[in-house]
Amino acid sequence: MLAAWCVVQSIKAPVSFSQLIQLVPPVMLVTMMPISIAGWGVREATMGLAFGYAGLAATEGVNISLLFGMVYFIVGAFGGMVWIFSSEKAASRLASNQDLDKTDLG
């Protein structure tokens, strides 16, 4: 909800926080259906439909949804890079390489 609210504030959309509380959770529930990759397309269509039914501009819903998806993609990419280059993962790789060296000799 906070991420959606920040997106709304960044584009200065005329949507209140209470409207987001009512609109975003059902949209996220529909987005979890495994019919698209990471909910792209389904989230935008559902958000546009929900905003239209709520009397808000459907285009604002689509814009918010696109930016919301981009924020989650960027955060996920950053988290993935941190995980890939983490020292714990490097230590795990080193331990598995040492185990392979022992089995080759033995």
PDB file of N, CA and C in Angstrom:
ATOM      1  N   MET A   1       0.814  -1.184   0.000  1.00  0.00           N
ATOM      2  CA  MET A   1       0.000   0.000   0.000  1.00  0.00           C
ATOM      3  C   MET A   1       0.865   1.258   0.000  1.00  0.00           C
ATOM      4  N   LEU A   2       1.939   1.199   0.773  1.00  0.00           N
ATOM      5  CA  LEU A   2       2.817   2.365   0.845  1.00  0.00           C
ATOM      6  C   LEU A   2       3.491   2.618  -0.504  1.00  0.00           C
ATOM      7  N   ALA A   3       3.886   1.558  -1.187  1.00  0.00           N
ATOM      8  CA  ALA A   3       4.504   1.722  -2.505  1.00  0.00           C
ATOM      9  C   ALA A   3       3.505   2.315  -3.489  1.00  0.00           C
ATOM     10  N   ALA A   4       2.270   1.848  -3.454  1.00  0.00           N
ATOM     11  CA  ALA A   4       1.237   2.395  -4.343  1.00  0.00           C
ATOM     12  C   ALA A   4       0.966   3.857  -4.006  1.00  0.00           C
ATOM     13  N   TRP A   5       0.941   4.183  -2.720  1.00  0.00           N
ATOM     14  CA  TRP A   5       0.712   5.569  -2.315  1.00  0.00           C
ATOM     15  C   TRP A   5       1.855   6.466  -2.779  1.00  0.00           C
ATOM     16  N   CYS A   6       3.082   5.986  -2.684  1.00  0.00           N
ATOM     17  CA  CYS A   6       4.230   6.768  -3.160  1.00  0.00           C
ATOM     18  C   CYS A   6       4.158   6.986  -4.663  1.00  0.00           C
ATOM     19  N   VAL A   7       3.723   5.967  -5.398  1.00  0.00           N
ATOM     20  CA  VAL A   7       3.563   6.113  -6.852  1.00  0.00           C
ATOM     21  C   VAL A   7       2.499   7.158  -7.156  1.00  0.00           C
ATOM     22  N   VAL A   8       1.387   7.103  -6.439  1.00  0.00           N
ATOM     23  CA  VAL A   8       0.303   8.083  -6.643  1.00  0.00           C
ATOM     24  C   VAL A   8       0.810   9.488  -6.369  1.00  0.00           C
ATOM     25  N   GLN A   9       1.568   9.653  -5.286  1.00  0.00           N
ATOM     26  CA  GLN A   9       2.093  10.967  -4.958  1.00  0.00           C
ATOM     27  C   GLN A   9       3.114  11.450  -5.986  1.00  0.00           C
ATOM     28  N   SER A  10       3.876  10.525  -6.565  1.00  0.00           N
ATOM     29  CA  SER A  10       4.901  10.925  -7.525  1.00  0.00           C
ATOM     30  C   SER A  10       4.311  11.464  -8.820  1.00  0.00           C
ATOM     31  N   ILE A  11       3.137  10.963  -9.215  1.00  0.00           N
ATOM     32  CA  ILE A  11       2.525  11.468 -10.450  1.00  0.00           C
ATOM     33  C   ILE A  11       1.373  12.419 -10.158  1.00  0.00           C
ATOM     34  N   LYS A  12       1.172  12.717  -8.874  1.00  0.00           N
ATOM     35  CA  LYS A  12       0.142  13.654  -8.436  1.00  0.00           C
ATOM     36  C   LYS A  12      -1.246  13.275  -8.963  1.00  0.00           C
ATOM     37  N   ALA A  13      -1.556  11.986  -8.878  1.00  0.00           N
ATOM     38  CA  ALA A  13      -2.875  11.497  -9.301  1.00  0.00           C
ATOM     39  C   ALA A  13      -3.907  11.876  -8.241  1.00  0.00           C
ATOM     40  N   PRO A  14      -5.110  12.206  -8.670  1.00  0.00           N
ATOM     41  CA  PRO A  14      -6.153  12.599  -7.716  1.00  0.00           C
ATOM     42  C   PRO A  14      -6.813  11.382  -7.057  1.00  0.00           C
ATOM     43  N   VAL A  15      -6.034  10.661  -6.258  1.00  0.00           N
ATOM     44  CA  VAL A  15      -6.513   9.454  -5.585  1.00  0.00           C
ATOM     45  C   VAL A  15      -6.153   9.582  -4.111  1.00  0.00           C
ATOM     46  N   SER A  16      -7.121   9.319  -3.239  1.00  0.00           N
ATOM     47  CA  SER A  16      -6.852   9.395  -1.801  1.00  0.00           C
ATOM     48  C   SER A  16      -6.338   8.060  -1.287  1.00  0.00           C
ATOM     49  N   PHE A  17      -5.743   8.108  -0.113  1.00  0.00           N
ATOM     50  CA  PHE A  17      -5.200   6.892   0.492  1.00  0.00           C
ATOM     51  C   PHE A  17      -6.313   5.900   0.796  1.00  0.00           C
ATOM     52  N   SER A  18      -7.473   6.383   1.229  1.00  0.00           N
ATOM     53  CA  SER A  18      -8.587   5.481   1.533  1.00  0.00           C
ATOM     54  C   SER A  18      -9.093   4.779   0.271  1.00  0.00           C
ATOM     55  N   GLN A  19      -9.058   5.458  -0.865  1.00  0.00           N
ATOM     56  CA  GLN A  19      -9.437   4.816  -2.128  1.00  0.00           C
ATOM     57  C   GLN A  19      -8.436   3.724  -2.499  1.00  0.00           C
ATOM     58  N   LEU A  20      -7.146   3.994  -2.260  1.00  0.00           N
ATOM     59  CA  LEU A  20      -6.127   2.975  -2.550  1.00  0.00           C
ATOM     60  C   LEU A  20      -6.301   1.752  -1.661  1.00  0.00           C
ATOM     61  N   ILE A  21      -6.652   1.978  -0.399  1.00  0.00           N
ATOM     62  CA  ILE A  21      -6.861   0.857   0.518  1.00  0.00           C
ATOM     63  C   ILE A  21      -7.981  -0.050   0.010  1.00  0.00           C
ATOM     64  N   GLN A  22      -8.971   0.529  -0.630  1.00  0.00           N
ATOM     65  CA  GLN A  22     -10.096  -0.254  -1.139  1.00  0.00           C
ATOM     66  C   GLN A  22      -9.811  -0.873  -2.505  1.00  0.00           C
ATOM     67  N   LEU A  23      -8.973  -0.257  -3.303  1.00  0.00           N
ATOM     68  CA  LEU A  23      -8.775  -0.711  -4.683  1.00  0.00           C
ATOM     69  C   LEU A  23      -7.567  -1.640  -4.875  1.00  0.00           C
ATOM     70  N   VAL A  24      -6.480  -1.386  -4.215  1.00  0.00           N
ATOM     71  CA  VAL A  24      -5.248  -2.119  -4.493  1.00  0.00           C
ATOM     72  C   VAL A  24      -5.272  -3.586  -4.011  1.00  0.00           C
ATOM     73  N   PRO A  25      -5.734  -3.897  -2.801  1.00  0.00           N
ATOM     74  CA  PRO A  25      -5.712  -5.312  -2.384  1.00  0.00           C
ATOM     75  C   PRO A  25      -6.476  -6.265  -3.304  1.00  0.00           C
ATOM     76  N   PRO A  26      -7.703  -5.937  -3.765  1.00  0.00           N
ATOM     77  CA  PRO A  26      -8.353  -6.855  -4.705  1.00  0.00           C
ATOM     78  C   PRO A  26      -7.592  -6.983  -6.029  1.00  0.00           C
ATOM     79  N   VAL A  27      -6.977  -5.902  -6.471  1.00  0.00           N
ATOM     80  CA  VAL A  27      -6.201  -5.950  -7.708  1.00  0.00           C
ATOM     81  C   VAL A  27      -4.999  -6.871  -7.525  1.00  0.00           C
ATOM     82  N   MET A  28      -4.318  -6.777  -6.392  1.00  0.00           N
ATOM     83  CA  MET A  28      -3.170  -7.642  -6.130  1.00  0.00           C
ATOM     84  C   MET A  28      -3.598  -9.109  -6.015  1.00  0.00           C
ATOM     85  N   LEU A  29      -4.785  -9.345  -5.484  1.00  0.00           N
ATOM     86  CA  LEU A  29      -5.302 -10.710  -5.396  1.00  0.00           C
ATOM     87  C   LEU A  29      -5.541 -11.287  -6.784  1.00  0.00           C
ATOM     88  N   VAL A  30      -6.115 -10.499  -7.672  1.00  0.00           N
ATOM     89  CA  VAL A  30      -6.346 -10.952  -9.047  1.00  0.00           C
ATOM     90  C   VAL A  30      -5.019 -11.132  -9.779  1.00  0.00           C
ATOM     91  N   THR A  31      -4.060 -10.294  -9.491  1.00  0.00           N
ATOM     92  CA  THR A  31      -2.748 -10.364 -10.136  1.00  0.00           C
ATOM     93  C   THR A  31      -2.018 -11.664  -9.811  1.00  0.00           C
ATOM     94  N   MET A  32      -2.332 -12.272  -8.679  1.00  0.00           N
ATOM     95  CA  MET A  32      -1.655 -13.514  -8.278  1.00  0.00           C
ATOM     96  C   MET A  32      -2.078 -14.720  -9.102  1.00  0.00           C
ATOM     97  N   MET A  33      -3.106 -14.585  -9.921  1.00  0.00           N
ATOM     98  CA  MET A  33      -3.504 -15.717 -10.759  1.00  0.00           C
ATOM     99  C   MET A  33      -2.389 -16.009 -11.759  1.00  0.00           C
ATOM    100  N   PRO A  34      -2.014 -17.266 -11.917  1.00  0.00           N
ATOM    101  CA  PRO A  34      -0.868 -17.592 -12.781  1.00  0.00           C
ATOM    102  C   PRO A  34      -1.229 -17.616 -14.266  1.00  0.00           C
ATOM    103  N   ILE A  35      -1.609 -16.462 -14.795  1.00  0.00           N
ATOM    104  CA  ILE A  35      -1.953 -16.396 -16.214  1.00  0.00           C
ATOM    105  C   ILE A  35      -1.050 -15.446 -16.982  1.00  0.00           C
ATOM    106  N   SER A  36      -0.106 -14.833 -16.296  1.00  0.00           N
ATOM    107  CA  SER A  36       0.844 -13.956 -16.979  1.00  0.00           C
ATOM    108  C   SER A  36       2.158 -13.981 -16.219  1.00  0.00           C
ATOM    109  N   ILE A  37       3.174 -13.383 -16.795  1.00  0.00           N
ATOM    110  CA  ILE A  37       4.487 -13.345 -16.162  1.00  0.00           C
ATOM    111  C   ILE A  37       4.527 -12.165 -15.206  1.00  0.00           C
ATOM    112  N   ALA A  38       4.639 -12.462 -13.920  1.00  0.00           N
ATOM    113  CA  ALA A  38       4.711 -11.473 -12.841  1.00  0.00           C
ATOM    114  C   ALA A  38       3.499 -10.554 -12.799  1.00  0.00           C
ATOM    115  N   GLY A  39       2.392 -10.993 -13.361  1.00  0.00           N
ATOM    116  CA  GLY A  39       1.167 -10.207 -13.297  1.00  0.00           C
ATOM    117  C   GLY A  39       1.081  -9.058 -14.281  1.00  0.00           C
ATOM    118  N   TRP A  40       2.087  -8.912 -15.140  1.00  0.00           N
ATOM    119  CA  TRP A  40       2.075  -7.816 -16.114  1.00  0.00           C
ATOM    120  C   TRP A  40       0.899  -7.995 -17.058  1.00  0.00           C
ATOM    121  N   GLY A  41       0.191  -6.952 -17.305  1.00  0.00           N
ATOM    122  CA  GLY A  41      -0.976  -6.987 -18.174  1.00  0.00           C
ATOM    123  C   GLY A  41      -2.249  -7.202 -17.376  1.00  0.00           C
ATOM    124  N   VAL A  42      -2.248  -8.221 -16.546  1.00  0.00           N
ATOM    125  CA  VAL A  42      -3.415  -8.482 -15.693  1.00  0.00           C
ATOM    126  C   VAL A  42      -3.563  -7.361 -14.674  1.00  0.00           C
ATOM    127  N   ARG A  43      -2.451  -6.961 -14.064  1.00  0.00           N
ATOM    128  CA  ARG A  43      -2.487  -5.887 -13.068  1.00  0.00           C
ATOM    129  C   ARG A  43      -2.965  -4.579 -13.699  1.00  0.00           C
ATOM    130  N   GLU A  44      -2.466  -4.274 -14.885  1.00  0.00           N
ATOM    131  CA  GLU A  44      -2.850  -3.019 -15.526  1.00  0.00           C
ATOM    132  C   GLU A  44      -4.333  -3.015 -15.902  1.00  0.00           C
ATOM    133  N   ALA A  45      -4.801  -4.114 -16.471  1.00  0.00           N
ATOM    134  CA  ALA A  45      -6.209  -4.198 -16.861  1.00  0.00           C
ATOM    135  C   ALA A  45      -7.120  -4.127 -15.639  1.00  0.00           C
ATOM    136  N   THR A  46      -6.748  -4.850 -14.597  1.00  0.00           N
ATOM    137  CA  THR A  46      -7.569  -4.872 -13.391  1.00  0.00           C
ATOM    138  C   THR A  46      -7.553  -3.522 -12.690  1.00  0.00           C
ATOM    139  N   MET A  47      -6.411  -2.889 -12.631  1.00  0.00           N
ATOM    140  CA  MET A  47      -6.322  -1.586 -11.978  1.00  0.00           C
ATOM    141  C   MET A  47      -7.124  -0.540 -12.762  1.00  0.00           C
ATOM    142  N   GLY A  48      -7.048  -0.560 -14.078  1.00  0.00           N
ATOM    143  CA  GLY A  48      -7.841   0.355 -14.886  1.00  0.00           C
ATOM    144  C   GLY A  48      -9.328   0.121 -14.688  1.00  0.00           C
ATOM    145  N   LEU A  49      -9.731  -1.137 -14.631  1.00  0.00           N
ATOM    146  CA  LEU A  49     -11.135  -1.478 -14.414  1.00  0.00           C
ATOM    147  C   LEU A  49     -11.600  -1.044 -13.030  1.00  0.00           C
ATOM    148  N   ALA A  50     -10.793  -1.305 -12.024  1.00  0.00           N
ATOM    149  CA  ALA A  50     -11.156  -0.929 -10.649  1.00  0.00           C
ATOM    150  C   ALA A  50     -11.268   0.586 -10.506  1.00  0.00           C
ATOM    151  N   PHE A  51     -10.334   1.311 -11.079  1.00  0.00           N
ATOM    152  CA  PHE A  51     -10.390   2.774 -10.999  1.00  0.00           C
ATOM    153  C   PHE A  51     -11.611   3.305 -11.745  1.00  0.00           C
ATOM    154  N   GLY A  52     -11.930   2.697 -12.882  1.00  0.00           N
ATOM    155  CA  GLY A  52     -13.112   3.117 -13.634  1.00  0.00           C
ATOM    156  C   GLY A  52     -14.387   2.897 -12.839  1.00  0.00           C
ATOM    157  N   TYR A  53     -14.510   1.744 -12.180  1.00  0.00           N
ATOM    158  CA  TYR A  53     -15.692   1.466 -11.358  1.00  0.00           C
ATOM    159  C   TYR A  53     -15.780   2.388 -10.151  1.00  0.00           C
ATOM    160  N   ALA A  54     -14.637   2.831  -9.651  1.00  0.00           N
ATOM    161  CA  ALA A  54     -14.622   3.717  -8.484  1.00  0.00           C
ATOM    162  C   ALA A  54     -14.884   5.171  -8.865  1.00  0.00           C
ATOM    163  N   GLY A  55     -15.070   5.441 -10.153  1.00  0.00           N
ATOM    164  CA  GLY A  55     -15.336   6.806 -10.587  1.00  0.00           C
ATOM    165  C   GLY A  55     -14.082   7.628 -10.808  1.00  0.00           C
ATOM    166  N   LEU A  56     -12.940   6.969 -10.821  1.00  0.00           N
ATOM    167  CA  LEU A  56     -11.672   7.651 -11.073  1.00  0.00           C
ATOM    168  C   LEU A  56     -11.276   7.426 -12.520  1.00  0.00           C
ATOM    169  N   ALA A  57     -10.281   8.138 -12.975  1.00  0.00           N
ATOM    170  CA  ALA A  57      -9.806   7.976 -14.348  1.00  0.00           C
ATOM    171  C   ALA A  57      -9.107   6.626 -14.502  1.00  0.00           C
ATOM    172  N   ALA A  58      -9.584   5.829 -15.454  1.00  0.00           N
ATOM    173  CA  ALA A  58      -8.993   4.506 -15.689  1.00  0.00           C
ATOM    174  C   ALA A  58      -7.541   4.633 -16.140  1.00  0.00           C
ATOM    175  N   THR A  59      -7.226   5.692 -16.876  1.00  0.00           N
ATOM    176  CA  THR A  59      -5.843   5.882 -17.323  1.00  0.00           C
ATOM    177  C   THR A  59      -4.904   6.105 -16.146  1.00  0.00           C
ATOM    178  N   GLU A  60      -5.403   6.780 -15.101  1.00  0.00           N
ATOM    179  CA  GLU A  60      -4.580   6.954 -13.897  1.00  0.00           C
ATOM    180  C   GLU A  60      -4.297   5.605 -13.254  1.00  0.00           C
ATOM    181  N   GLY A  61      -5.278   4.730 -13.248  1.00  0.00           N
ATOM    182  CA  GLY A  61      -5.081   3.394 -12.698  1.00  0.00           C
ATOM    183  C   GLY A  61      -4.023   2.617 -13.457  1.00  0.00           C
ATOM    184  N   VAL A  62      -4.058   2.724 -14.778  1.00  0.00           N
ATOM    185  CA  VAL A  62      -3.060   2.028 -15.598  1.00  0.00           C
ATOM    186  C   VAL A  62      -1.675   2.621 -15.363  1.00  0.00           C
ATOM    187  N   ASN A  63      -1.593   3.944 -15.296  1.00  0.00           N
ATOM    188  CA  ASN A  63      -0.296   4.598 -15.035  1.00  0.00           C
ATOM    189  C   ASN A  63       0.268   4.186 -13.683  1.00  0.00           C
ATOM    190  N   ILE A  64      -0.585   4.184 -12.663  1.00  0.00           N
ATOM    191  CA  ILE A  64      -0.148   3.791 -11.325  1.00  0.00           C
ATOM    192  C   ILE A  64       0.317   2.344 -11.346  1.00  0.00           C
ATOM    193  N   SER A  65      -0.414   1.494 -12.039  1.00  0.00           N
ATOM    194  CA  SER A  65      -0.059   0.081 -12.111  1.00  0.00           C
ATOM    195  C   SER A  65       1.277  -0.131 -12.816  1.00  0.00           C
ATOM    196  N   LEU A  66       1.505   0.573 -13.903  1.00  0.00           N
ATOM    197  CA  LEU A  66       2.784   0.446 -14.615  1.00  0.00           C
ATOM    198  C   LEU A  66       3.956   0.892 -13.748  1.00  0.00           C
ATOM    199  N   LEU A  67       3.796   2.032 -13.092  1.00  0.00           N
ATOM    200  CA  LEU A  67       4.869   2.515 -12.218  1.00  0.00           C
ATOM    201  C   LEU A  67       5.068   1.599 -11.020  1.00  0.00           C
ATOM    202  N   PHE A  68       3.981   1.082 -10.473  1.00  0.00           N
ATOM    203  CA  PHE A  68       4.039   0.133  -9.362  1.00  0.00           C
ATOM    204  C   PHE A  68       4.827  -1.109  -9.777  1.00  0.00           C
ATOM    205  N   GLY A  69       4.555  -1.621 -10.972  1.00  0.00           N
ATOM    206  CA  GLY A  69       5.289  -2.779 -11.485  1.00  0.00           C
ATOM    207  C   GLY A  69       6.758  -2.483 -11.697  1.00  0.00           C
ATOM    208  N   MET A  70       7.064  -1.306 -12.199  1.00  0.00           N
ATOM    209  CA  MET A  70       8.464  -0.927 -12.410  1.00  0.00           C
ATOM    210  C   MET A  70       9.215  -0.821 -11.086  1.00  0.00           C
ATOM    211  N   VAL A  71       8.563  -0.260 -10.072  1.00  0.00           N
ATOM    212  CA  VAL A  71       9.193  -0.153  -8.753  1.00  0.00           C
ATOM    213  C   VAL A  71       9.518  -1.541  -8.226  1.00  0.00           C
ATOM    214  N   TYR A  72       8.563  -2.462  -8.326  1.00  0.00           N
ATOM    215  CA  TYR A  72       8.813  -3.822  -7.843  1.00  0.00           C
ATOM    216  C   TYR A  72       9.892  -4.520  -8.665  1.00  0.00           C
ATOM    217  N   PHE A  73       9.952  -4.263  -9.952  1.00  0.00           N
ATOM    218  CA  PHE A  73      10.999  -4.853 -10.783  1.00  0.00           C
ATOM    219  C   PHE A  73      12.376  -4.338 -10.377  1.00  0.00           C
ATOM    220  N   ILE A  74      12.492  -3.040 -10.170  1.00  0.00           N
ATOM    221  CA  ILE A  74      13.777  -2.442  -9.798  1.00  0.00           C
ATOM    222  C   ILE A  74      14.223  -2.931  -8.429  1.00  0.00           C
ATOM    223  N   VAL A  75      13.301  -2.967  -7.474  1.00  0.00           N
ATOM    224  CA  VAL A  75      13.636  -3.459  -6.135  1.00  0.00           C
ATOM    225  C   VAL A  75      14.046  -4.928  -6.200  1.00  0.00           C
ATOM    226  N   GLY A  76      13.331  -5.724  -6.993  1.00  0.00           N
ATOM    227  CA  GLY A  76      13.677  -7.133  -7.142  1.00  0.00           C
ATOM    228  C   GLY A  76      15.021  -7.329  -7.809  1.00  0.00           C
ATOM    229  N   ALA A  77      15.323  -6.525  -8.819  1.00  0.00           N
ATOM    230  CA  ALA A  77      16.617  -6.621  -9.497  1.00  0.00           C
ATOM    231  C   ALA A  77      17.751  -6.246  -8.545  1.00  0.00           C
ATOM    232  N   PHE A  78      17.543  -5.203  -7.768  1.00  0.00           N
ATOM    233  CA  PHE A  78      18.553  -4.805  -6.794  1.00  0.00           C
ATOM    234  C   PHE A  78      18.751  -5.905  -5.757  1.00  0.00           C
ATOM    235  N   GLY A  79      17.673  -6.462  -5.250  1.00  0.00           N
ATOM    236  CA  GLY A  79      17.770  -7.551  -4.278  1.00  0.00           C
ATOM    237  C   GLY A  79      18.451  -8.776  -4.863  1.00  0.00           C
ATOM    238  N   GLY A  80      18.178  -9.064  -6.130  1.00  0.00           N
ATOM    239  CA  GLY A  80      18.833 -10.183  -6.791  1.00  0.00           C
ATOM    240  C   GLY A  80      20.324  -9.976  -6.925  1.00  0.00           C
ATOM    241  N   MET A  81      20.727  -8.761  -7.247  1.00  0.00           N
ATOM    242  CA  MET A  81      22.159  -8.473  -7.356  1.00  0.00           C
ATOM    243  C   MET A  81      22.841  -8.582  -5.994  1.00  0.00           C
ATOM    244  N   VAL A  82      22.177  -8.107  -4.955  1.00  0.00           N
ATOM    245  CA  VAL A  82      22.742  -8.237  -3.605  1.00  0.00           C
ATOM    246  C   VAL A  82      22.894  -9.704  -3.257  1.00  0.00           C
ATOM    247  N   TRP A  83      21.892 -10.522  -3.584  1.00  0.00           N
ATOM    248  CA  TRP A  83      21.951 -11.945  -3.275  1.00  0.00           C
ATOM    249  C   TRP A  83      23.059 -12.644  -4.059  1.00  0.00           C
ATOM    250  N   ILE A  84      23.175 -12.322  -5.344  1.00  0.00           N
ATOM    251  CA  ILE A  84      24.195 -12.958  -6.182  1.00  0.00           C
ATOM    252  C   ILE A  84      25.596 -12.647  -5.677  1.00  0.00           C
ATOM    253  N   PHE A  85      25.827 -11.399  -5.303  1.00  0.00           N
ATOM    254  CA  PHE A  85      27.171 -10.996  -4.902  1.00  0.00           C
ATOM    255  C   PHE A  85      27.380 -11.021  -3.388  1.00  0.00           C
ATOM    256  N   SER A  86      26.493 -11.663  -2.645  1.00  0.00           N
ATOM    257  CA  SER A  86      26.633 -11.701  -1.188  1.00  0.00           C
ATOM    258  C   SER A  86      27.793 -12.611  -0.790  1.00  0.00           C
ATOM    259  N   SER A  87      28.388 -12.317   0.350  1.00  0.00           N
ATOM    260  CA  SER A  87      29.522 -13.111   0.826  1.00  0.00           C
ATOM    261  C   SER A  87      29.065 -14.506   1.240  1.00  0.00           C
ATOM    262  N   GLU A  88      27.829 -14.639   1.697  1.00  0.00           N
ATOM    263  CA  GLU A  88      27.313 -15.952   2.091  1.00  0.00           C
ATOM    264  C   GLU A  88      27.230 -16.881   0.878  1.00  0.00           C
ATOM    265  N   LYS A  89      26.783 -16.356  -0.241  1.00  0.00           N
ATOM    266  CA  LYS A  89      26.701 -17.160  -1.455  1.00  0.00           C
ATOM    267  C   LYS A  89      28.102 -17.519  -1.949  1.00  0.00           C
ATOM    268  N   ALA A  90      29.029 -16.582  -1.852  1.00  0.00           N
ATOM    269  CA  ALA A  90      30.408 -16.855  -2.273  1.00  0.00           C
ATOM    270  C   ALA A  90      31.026 -17.929  -1.385  1.00  0.00           C
ATOM    271  N   ALA A  91      30.745 -17.892  -0.102  1.00  0.00           N
ATOM    272  CA  ALA A  91      31.272 -18.911   0.809  1.00  0.00           C
ATOM    273  C   ALA A  91      30.675 -20.272   0.488  1.00  0.00           C
ATOM    274  N   SER A  92      29.423 -20.292   0.130  1.00  0.00           N
ATOM    275  CA  SER A  92      28.753 -21.540  -0.249  1.00  0.00           C
ATOM    276  C   SER A  92      29.384 -22.118  -1.516  1.00  0.00           C
ATOM    277  N   ARG A  93      29.665 -21.254  -2.483  1.00  0.00           N
ATOM    278  CA  ARG A  93      30.321 -21.703  -3.715  1.00  0.00           C
ATOM    279  C   ARG A  93      31.715 -22.244  -3.440  1.00  0.00           C
ATOM    280  N   LEU A  94      32.445 -21.579  -2.570  1.00  0.00           N
ATOM    281  CA  LEU A  94      33.787 -22.016  -2.227  1.00  0.00           C
ATOM    282  C   LEU A  94      33.746 -23.383  -1.546  1.00  0.00           C
ATOM    283  N   ALA A  95      32.793 -23.573  -0.648  1.00  0.00           N
ATOM    284  CA  ALA A  95      32.667 -24.860   0.048  1.00  0.00           C
ATOM    285  C   ALA A  95      32.295 -25.967  -0.920  1.00  0.00           C
ATOM    286  N   SER A  96      31.426 -25.698  -1.869  1.00  0.00           N
ATOM    287  CA  SER A  96      31.042 -26.733  -2.833  1.00  0.00           C
ATOM    288  C   SER A  96      32.205 -27.057  -3.770  1.00  0.00           C
ATOM    289  N   ASN A  97      33.015 -26.069  -4.118  1.00  0.00           N
ATOM    290  CA  ASN A  97      34.199 -26.326  -4.950  1.00  0.00           C
ATOM    291  C   ASN A  97      35.217 -27.170  -4.198  1.00  0.00           C
ATOM    292  N   GLN A  98      35.376 -26.924  -2.910  1.00  0.00           N
ATOM    293  CA  GLN A  98      36.310 -27.721  -2.114  1.00  0.00           C
ATOM    294  C   GLN A  98      35.814 -29.156  -1.994  1.00  0.00           C
ATOM    295  N   ASP A  99      34.502 -29.348  -1.860  1.00  0.00           N
ATOM    296  CA  ASP A  99      33.937 -30.701  -1.809  1.00  0.00           C
ATOM    297  C   ASP A  99      34.176 -31.427  -3.125  1.00  0.00           C
ATOM    298  N   LEU A 100      34.063 -30.724  -4.232  1.00  0.00           N
ATOM    299  CA  LEU A 100      34.326 -31.338  -5.532  1.00  0.00           C
ATOM    300  C   LEU A 100      35.785 -31.730  -5.673  1.00  0.00           C
ATOM    301  N   ASP A 101      36.703 -30.893  -5.171  1.00  0.00           N
ATOM    302  CA  ASP A 101      38.126 -31.194  -5.241  1.00  0.00           C
ATOM    303  C   ASP A 101      38.441 -32.446  -4.421  1.00  0.00           C
ATOM    304  N   LYS A 102      37.813 -32.627  -3.286  1.00  0.00           N
ATOM    305  CA  LYS A 102      38.050 -33.790  -2.434  1.00  0.00           C
ATOM    306  C   LYS A 102      37.542 -35.076  -3.113  1.00  0.00           C
ATOM    307  N   THR A 103      36.414 -34.985  -3.789  1.00  0.00           N
ATOM    308  CA  THR A 103      35.872 -36.194  -4.448  1.00  0.00           C
ATOM    309  C   THR A 103      36.709 -36.554  -5.669  1.00  0.00           C
ATOM    310  N   ASP A 104      37.314 -35.585  -6.331  1.00  0.00           N
ATOM    311  CA  ASP A 104      38.161 -35.880  -7.477  1.00  0.00           C
ATOM    312  C   ASP A 104      39.428 -36.618  -7.063  1.00  0.00           C
ATOM    313  N   LEU A 105      39.949 -36.274  -5.878  1.00  0.00           N
ATOM    314  CA  LEU A 105      41.194 -36.888  -5.406  1.00  0.00           C
ATOM    315  C   LEU A 105      40.955 -38.258  -4.785  1.00  0.00           C
ATOM    316  N   GLY A 106      39.765 -38.472  -4.261  1.00  0.00           N
ATOM    317  CA  GLY A 106      39.539 -39.603  -3.431  1.00  0.00           C
ATOM    318  C   GLY A 106      39.058 -40.835  -4.018  1.00  0.00           C
TER     319      GLY A 106
END
